[in-house]
């Protein structure tokens, strides 16, 4: 046997040893939301700091206008508001404390929810308060935006939207994601393009994007290849360098929704969806270090696309936080008590 061939066999053996299928647990949802009218896609969570039990779940109804909508739910699953007329909204994300660029004159920071409006090639921005959700601006964007993750930079509070366009045969293999800095002026939100970055395998597409504000990383699902990791700050010296490609093995379906469960000291979990009919699987990776795969769970959700999670206690019903998963066939979102998930990692 040649030395080259022997070396290949050693690498293959090491690879086989390194990969171990995680233990998979079953979790029951605490409740499901009321259904949307057509096609749910992606959820986000807005936390009411003063009254956490009155926090909101925002979800998209992914169809053409006029029925395309952003739907606002309470933690009881009931619909609080519906914004129709959005032309095929795909994903939504929430960020806190967008500062006005012209402070004074009664201008205050706002919490925002940003929706990708795919058939209008733009982002739709909404302000979120305890009194409800209202429109706050638009940003012209890349062709057919789908995925979105918002990033609040710790050093100056600047907020960015990182956007993934729909995959096409002519999609670029590099500089795939578009990053915009958002600006609040006169009560309206606008944005400017600050960079393009990120590799794409060319298989399937990229939709799920999640950002770790504290640690400064952005993760996105290259559906047929793995989960890619970059620096979120466009000014970072290594902003163009891919830091890792994880989740390359063990998926039966597409790599879809991503969510981040944060804990003190950089601890917590990165959760990734393995999109399966009738009972999607969620793989749980360590937030820190090399993002080691820890365990997996299923919760009875059908063909899950988007997910969201928070570690913030949300009242007596969700004292360790909340996990939300899109549930395709019933056209709703399932809400899970994080206590039922955390116990599988000894917590």
Protein backbone atom coordinates (compact mmCIF):
# COMPACT_ATOMS: atom_id res chain seq x y z
CA UNK A 1 0.00 0.00 0.00
CA UNK A 2 1.36 3.42 -0.92
CA UNK A 3 2.03 5.98 1.77
CA UNK A 4 -0.49 8.34 0.16
CA UNK A 5 -3.25 5.73 0.20
CA UNK A 6 -2.45 4.79 3.80
CA UNK A 7 -2.70 8.45 4.77
CA UNK A 8 -6.13 8.72 3.14
CA UNK A 9 -7.31 5.68 5.09
CA UNK A 10 -6.08 7.24 8.33
CA UNK A 11 -7.98 10.47 7.59
CA UNK A 12 -11.11 8.50 6.74
CA UNK A 13 -10.87 6.49 9.96
CA UNK A 14 -10.40 9.66 12.02
CA UNK A 15 -13.45 11.16 10.35
CA UNK A 16 -15.55 8.11 11.20
CA UNK A 17 -14.42 8.21 14.81
CA UNK A 18 -15.12 11.96 15.11
CA UNK A 19 -18.75 11.73 13.98
CA UNK A 20 -21.20 10.31 16.50
CA UNK A 21 -24.95 10.53 16.08
CA UNK A 22 -26.43 12.47 19.00
CA UNK A 23 -28.99 11.04 21.37
CA UNK A 24 -32.45 12.20 20.30
CA UNK A 25 -35.16 13.05 22.83
CA UNK A 26 -38.90 13.67 22.45
CA UNK A 27 -40.40 16.91 23.76
CA UNK A 28 -44.06 17.93 23.90
CA UNK A 29 -45.08 21.50 23.08
CA UNK A 30 -46.74 23.57 25.77
CA UNK A 31 -49.21 24.92 23.20
CA UNK A 32 -49.72 25.88 19.60
CA UNK A 33 -50.67 29.29 18.27
CA UNK A 34 -53.77 29.97 16.28
CA UNK A 35 -53.15 29.18 12.59
CA UNK A 36 -52.21 31.74 9.97
CA UNK A 37 -54.33 31.81 6.85
CA UNK A 38 -51.90 30.26 4.37
CA UNK A 39 -48.26 29.33 5.00
CA UNK A 40 -46.29 30.03 8.21
CA UNK A 41 -42.55 30.37 7.79
CA UNK A 42 -40.47 32.03 10.49
CA UNK A 43 -40.98 33.20 14.10
CA UNK A 44 -39.28 35.82 16.26
CA UNK A 45 -39.71 36.69 19.94
CA UNK A 46 -40.03 40.21 21.35
CA UNK A 47 -39.38 40.36 25.10
CA UNK A 48 -41.40 42.80 27.18
CA UNK A 49 -38.77 43.83 29.73
CA UNK A 50 -41.29 45.30 32.17
CA UNK A 51 -43.76 42.41 31.96
CA UNK A 52 -42.02 39.33 30.46
CA UNK A 53 -45.21 37.26 30.60
CA UNK A 54 -46.69 39.76 28.11
CA UNK A 55 -43.95 39.18 25.52
CA UNK A 56 -44.88 38.52 21.90
CA UNK A 57 -44.22 35.95 19.19
CA UNK A 58 -44.10 37.39 15.67
CA UNK A 59 -44.55 35.08 12.68
CA UNK A 60 -44.73 35.41 8.91
CA UNK A 61 -47.50 34.20 6.60
CA UNK A 62 -45.44 33.51 3.47
CA UNK A 63 -47.70 34.26 0.50
CA UNK A 64 -48.15 37.03 -2.02
CA UNK A 65 -49.93 40.24 -1.12
CA UNK A 66 -52.58 41.00 -0.09
CA UNK A 67 -52.62 37.97 2.27
CA UNK A 68 -48.89 37.91 2.96
CA UNK A 69 -48.59 39.10 6.55
CA UNK A 70 -46.73 39.61 9.78
CA UNK A 71 -48.83 38.03 12.54
CA UNK A 72 -48.38 38.94 16.21
CA UNK A 73 -49.25 36.37 18.90
CA UNK A 74 -49.38 36.50 22.68
CA UNK A 75 -47.75 33.76 24.75
CA UNK A 76 -51.21 32.18 24.99
CA UNK A 77 -51.10 31.56 21.23
CA UNK A 78 -53.87 34.05 20.46
CA UNK A 79 -53.48 36.54 17.61
CA UNK A 80 -52.97 40.12 18.76
CA UNK A 81 -52.34 41.89 15.44
CA UNK A 82 -52.06 41.08 11.74
CA UNK A 83 -50.26 43.25 9.18
CA UNK A 84 -51.37 42.15 5.70
CA UNK A 85 -50.25 43.42 2.30
CA UNK A 86 -46.64 42.20 2.60
CA UNK A 87 -45.60 40.61 -0.70
CA UNK A 88 -44.35 37.14 0.31
CA UNK A 89 -42.69 37.76 3.67
CA UNK A 90 -40.12 35.06 4.44
CA UNK A 91 -38.19 35.64 7.64
CA UNK A 92 -38.43 38.02 10.58
CA UNK A 93 -36.01 38.97 13.35
CA UNK A 94 -36.11 41.30 16.37
CA UNK A 95 -33.47 43.62 17.84
CA UNK A 96 -33.55 46.08 20.71
CA UNK A 97 -32.66 49.74 21.13
CA UNK A 98 -32.05 51.20 17.67
CA UNK A 99 -30.66 54.62 18.51
CA UNK A 100 -31.79 57.73 16.62
CA UNK A 101 -29.11 59.35 14.48
CA UNK A 102 -30.44 62.80 15.45
CA UNK A 103 -31.05 62.57 19.21
CA UNK A 104 -33.23 65.20 20.72
CA UNK A 105 -36.59 66.61 19.71
CA UNK A 106 -38.33 63.76 21.54
CA UNK A 107 -36.61 61.08 19.49
CA UNK A 108 -36.18 57.82 21.42
CA UNK A 109 -34.55 54.44 20.73
CA UNK A 110 -36.93 51.79 19.42
CA UNK A 111 -37.12 48.01 19.37
CA UNK A 112 -37.56 46.72 15.83
CA UNK A 113 -38.80 43.72 13.91
CA UNK A 114 -37.50 43.42 10.35
CA UNK A 115 -39.24 41.28 7.71
CA UNK A 116 -37.85 40.27 4.32
CA UNK A 117 -40.40 41.15 1.62
CA UNK A 118 -39.25 38.82 -1.11
CA UNK A 119 -41.37 39.91 -4.08
CA UNK A 120 -40.66 43.61 -3.49
CA UNK A 121 -36.86 43.20 -3.03
CA UNK A 122 -36.90 45.07 0.25
CA UNK A 123 -36.98 44.91 4.03
CA UNK A 124 -40.04 46.02 5.97
CA UNK A 125 -39.30 47.47 9.39
CA UNK A 126 -41.73 47.60 12.32
CA UNK A 127 -41.34 49.16 15.75
CA UNK A 128 -42.41 46.97 18.67
CA UNK A 129 -43.67 48.19 22.04
CA UNK A 130 -45.94 46.93 24.80
CA UNK A 131 -48.73 48.86 23.08
CA UNK A 132 -48.27 46.95 19.82
CA UNK A 133 -46.47 46.83 16.49
CA UNK A 134 -46.45 49.55 13.86
CA UNK A 135 -44.67 50.17 10.56
CA UNK A 136 -41.43 52.15 10.75
CA UNK A 137 -39.81 52.13 7.31
CA UNK A 138 -38.44 50.14 4.37
CA UNK A 139 -34.98 49.37 3.00
CA UNK A 140 -34.33 48.50 -0.65
CA UNK A 141 -32.49 45.22 -0.65
CA UNK A 142 -30.96 42.43 -2.70
CA UNK A 143 -32.94 40.42 -5.24
CA UNK A 144 -35.61 38.30 -3.50
CA UNK A 145 -34.46 38.56 0.13
CA UNK A 146 -35.36 35.53 2.26
CA UNK A 147 -33.33 35.02 5.43
CA UNK A 148 -32.49 37.73 7.95
CA UNK A 149 -30.52 38.03 11.19
CA UNK A 150 -30.17 41.28 13.13
CA UNK A 151 -26.91 42.21 14.89
CA UNK A 152 -26.42 44.83 17.60
CA UNK A 153 -22.73 45.69 17.86
CA UNK A 154 -21.74 45.90 21.55
CA UNK A 155 -19.11 48.66 21.22
CA UNK A 156 -21.44 51.32 19.79
CA UNK A 157 -24.97 49.89 19.67
CA UNK A 158 -25.12 50.04 15.87
CA UNK A 159 -27.70 47.63 14.42
CA UNK A 160 -27.21 45.71 11.20
CA UNK A 161 -29.45 43.46 9.10
CA UNK A 162 -27.70 40.46 7.53
CA UNK A 163 -29.77 39.21 4.61
CA UNK A 164 -29.71 36.06 2.47
CA UNK A 165 -31.29 36.28 -1.01
CA UNK A 166 -33.07 33.38 -2.65
CA UNK A 167 -30.78 30.84 -4.28
CA UNK A 168 -30.70 30.72 -8.09
CA UNK A 169 -28.61 28.84 -10.66
CA UNK A 170 -26.61 32.03 -11.22
CA UNK A 171 -26.18 32.82 -7.50
CA UNK A 172 -22.62 33.76 -6.52
CA UNK A 173 -20.49 31.25 -4.61
CA UNK A 174 -18.84 34.03 -2.60
CA UNK A 175 -20.11 37.31 -1.13
CA UNK A 176 -23.56 35.77 -0.91
CA UNK A 177 -24.91 37.61 2.14
CA UNK A 178 -25.73 41.34 2.14
CA UNK A 179 -25.24 43.38 5.32
CA UNK A 180 -27.02 46.70 5.93
CA UNK A 181 -26.54 49.22 8.72
CA UNK A 182 -29.90 50.51 9.91
CA UNK A 183 -30.52 54.15 10.80
CA UNK A 184 -33.38 55.76 12.73
CA UNK A 185 -34.08 59.35 11.76
CA UNK A 186 -37.28 61.31 12.27
CA UNK A 187 -39.06 58.20 13.50
CA UNK A 188 -38.33 56.25 10.29
CA UNK A 189 -35.80 53.48 9.71
CA UNK A 190 -33.58 53.37 6.62
CA UNK A 191 -30.45 51.42 5.77
CA UNK A 192 -27.24 51.37 3.77
CA UNK A 193 -25.26 48.44 2.38
CA UNK A 194 -21.94 48.04 4.23
CA UNK A 195 -20.61 44.71 2.93
CA UNK A 196 -21.20 41.47 1.07
CA UNK A 197 -19.65 38.29 2.45
CA UNK A 198 -20.07 34.56 2.89
CA UNK A 199 -19.60 31.38 0.89
CA UNK A 200 -22.42 29.40 -0.74
CA UNK A 201 -22.06 25.77 -1.82
CA UNK A 202 -24.45 26.22 -4.75
CA UNK A 203 -26.69 23.40 -3.51
CA UNK A 204 -30.26 24.31 -2.57
CA UNK A 205 -30.17 27.77 -0.91
CA UNK A 206 -29.47 29.86 2.18
CA UNK A 207 -32.29 31.12 4.34
CA UNK A 208 -31.67 30.76 8.09
CA UNK A 209 -29.39 33.41 9.64
CA UNK A 210 -28.74 33.98 13.35
CA UNK A 211 -26.33 36.37 15.09
CA UNK A 212 -24.62 36.10 18.48
CA UNK A 213 -24.42 39.77 19.49
CA UNK A 214 -22.28 39.18 22.58
CA UNK A 215 -19.67 36.89 20.99
CA UNK A 216 -19.81 38.63 17.60
CA UNK A 217 -20.54 35.67 15.31
CA UNK A 218 -23.07 35.14 12.54
CA UNK A 219 -24.18 31.63 11.56
CA UNK A 220 -26.16 30.71 8.47
CA UNK A 221 -27.52 27.47 7.04
CA UNK A 222 -26.12 26.48 3.65
CA UNK A 223 -28.97 24.00 3.30
CA UNK A 224 -27.18 21.24 1.45
CA UNK A 225 -23.70 21.68 2.95
CA UNK A 226 -23.59 22.80 6.58
CA UNK A 227 -23.74 25.76 8.96
CA UNK A 228 -21.23 28.51 8.16
CA UNK A 229 -19.73 30.85 10.77
CA UNK A 230 -18.26 34.35 10.26
CA UNK A 231 -17.56 37.49 12.26
CA UNK A 232 -20.70 39.64 12.39
CA UNK A 233 -18.91 43.00 12.61
CA UNK A 234 -18.25 44.30 9.07
CA UNK A 235 -15.24 46.22 10.46
CA UNK A 236 -13.55 43.17 11.97
CA UNK A 237 -10.08 42.49 10.52
CA UNK A 238 -11.16 38.93 9.69
CA UNK A 239 -14.64 39.81 8.46
CA UNK A 240 -14.16 38.06 5.10
CA UNK A 241 -12.77 34.83 6.59
CA UNK A 242 -14.97 31.79 7.17
CA UNK A 243 -14.36 30.64 10.74
CA UNK A 244 -16.03 27.23 10.59
CA UNK A 245 -18.30 24.92 8.64
CA UNK A 246 -20.21 22.75 11.10
CA UNK A 247 -23.22 20.46 10.87
CA UNK A 248 -21.92 18.73 7.76
CA UNK A 249 -23.13 15.26 8.82
CA UNK A 250 -26.22 13.59 10.24
CA UNK A 251 -28.96 15.63 8.54
CA UNK A 252 -31.77 13.78 6.75
CA UNK A 253 -33.52 16.89 5.46
CA UNK A 254 -32.50 20.47 4.70
CA UNK A 255 -30.62 22.52 7.25
CA UNK A 256 -33.22 25.14 8.01
CA UNK A 257 -33.95 27.40 10.98
CA UNK A 258 -31.26 28.50 13.44
CA UNK A 259 -31.68 29.93 16.93
CA UNK A 260 -29.39 30.93 19.79
CA UNK A 261 -30.03 30.20 23.47
CA UNK A 262 -27.69 32.42 25.48
CA UNK A 263 -26.35 31.90 29.02
CA UNK A 264 -23.83 33.88 31.09
CA UNK A 265 -20.13 33.66 30.30
CA UNK A 266 -20.61 32.88 26.61
CA UNK A 267 -22.37 29.60 27.40
CA UNK A 268 -25.58 28.38 25.82
CA UNK A 269 -26.67 26.61 22.65
CA UNK A 270 -26.92 27.00 18.89
CA UNK A 271 -30.02 25.11 17.70
CA UNK A 272 -30.36 23.93 14.09
CA UNK A 273 -33.39 22.49 12.31
CA UNK A 274 -33.26 19.22 10.37
CA UNK A 275 -36.40 19.74 8.28
CA UNK A 276 -38.43 16.53 8.30
CA UNK A 277 -42.10 15.81 7.57
CA UNK A 278 -44.38 15.29 10.57
CA UNK A 279 -41.58 15.39 13.17
CA UNK A 280 -38.66 17.72 12.47
CA UNK A 281 -35.46 17.28 14.46
CA UNK A 282 -33.49 20.01 16.24
CA UNK A 283 -29.77 19.53 16.74
CA UNK A 284 -28.25 21.33 19.72
CA UNK A 285 -24.65 22.57 19.48
CA UNK A 286 -22.54 24.28 22.14
CA UNK A 287 -22.55 28.05 21.72
CA UNK A 288 -18.92 28.36 22.76
CA UNK A 289 -15.64 26.93 21.48
CA UNK A 290 -15.87 24.60 18.49
CA UNK A 291 -19.68 24.39 18.61
CA UNK A 292 -19.69 20.72 19.60
CA UNK A 293 -22.86 18.78 18.82
CA UNK A 294 -24.43 17.89 22.20
CA UNK A 295 -27.84 16.29 21.68
CA UNK A 296 -31.00 16.49 19.55
CA UNK A 297 -34.71 16.60 20.16
CA UNK A 298 -37.99 16.26 18.30
CA UNK A 299 -41.23 17.99 19.17
CA UNK A 300 -43.86 16.85 16.70
CA UNK A 301 -43.63 19.88 14.39
CA UNK A 302 -44.17 19.26 10.69
CA UNK A 303 -41.54 20.26 8.12
CA UNK A 304 -40.16 23.04 10.29
CA UNK A 305 -38.61 26.00 8.55
CA UNK A 306 -37.97 28.82 11.02
CA UNK A 307 -37.30 28.55 14.76
CA UNK A 308 -36.56 30.98 17.59
CA UNK A 309 -35.52 30.67 21.23
CA UNK A 310 -34.89 32.87 24.25
CA UNK A 311 -33.30 32.17 27.62
CA UNK A 312 -35.14 35.08 29.27
CA UNK A 313 -37.72 33.92 31.86
CA UNK A 314 -41.17 34.70 30.47
CA UNK A 315 -43.38 34.33 33.50
CA UNK A 316 -44.61 31.23 35.33
CA UNK A 317 -45.34 29.29 32.15
CA UNK A 318 -41.88 29.69 30.60
CA UNK A 319 -39.52 30.34 33.57
CA UNK A 320 -36.38 29.11 31.73
CA UNK A 321 -37.28 30.64 28.40
CA UNK A 322 -39.16 29.68 25.26
CA UNK A 323 -38.51 27.74 22.05
CA UNK A 324 -40.77 28.34 19.02
CA UNK A 325 -40.99 26.17 15.90
CA UNK A 326 -42.90 26.62 12.67
CA UNK A 327 -45.45 23.79 12.16
CA UNK A 328 -46.26 23.49 8.47
CA UNK A 329 -49.39 21.39 7.91
CA UNK A 330 -51.42 22.90 10.80
CA UNK A 331 -50.26 26.37 9.66
CA UNK A 332 -49.16 27.54 13.08
CA UNK A 333 -46.23 27.80 15.49
CA UNK A 334 -45.54 25.49 18.44
CA UNK A 335 -44.32 26.91 21.77
CA UNK A 336 -42.10 24.79 24.05
CA UNK A 337 -41.13 25.27 27.69
CA UNK A 338 -37.31 25.35 27.69
CA UNK A 339 -37.26 23.37 30.94
CA UNK A 340 -38.39 20.36 28.90
CA UNK A 341 -35.43 20.77 26.54
CA UNK A 342 -32.67 21.79 28.96
CA UNK A 343 -33.18 18.73 31.15
CA UNK A 344 -31.71 16.57 28.40
CA UNK A 345 -28.31 18.20 28.87
CA UNK A 346 -28.36 17.78 32.62
CA UNK A 347 -29.85 21.19 33.42
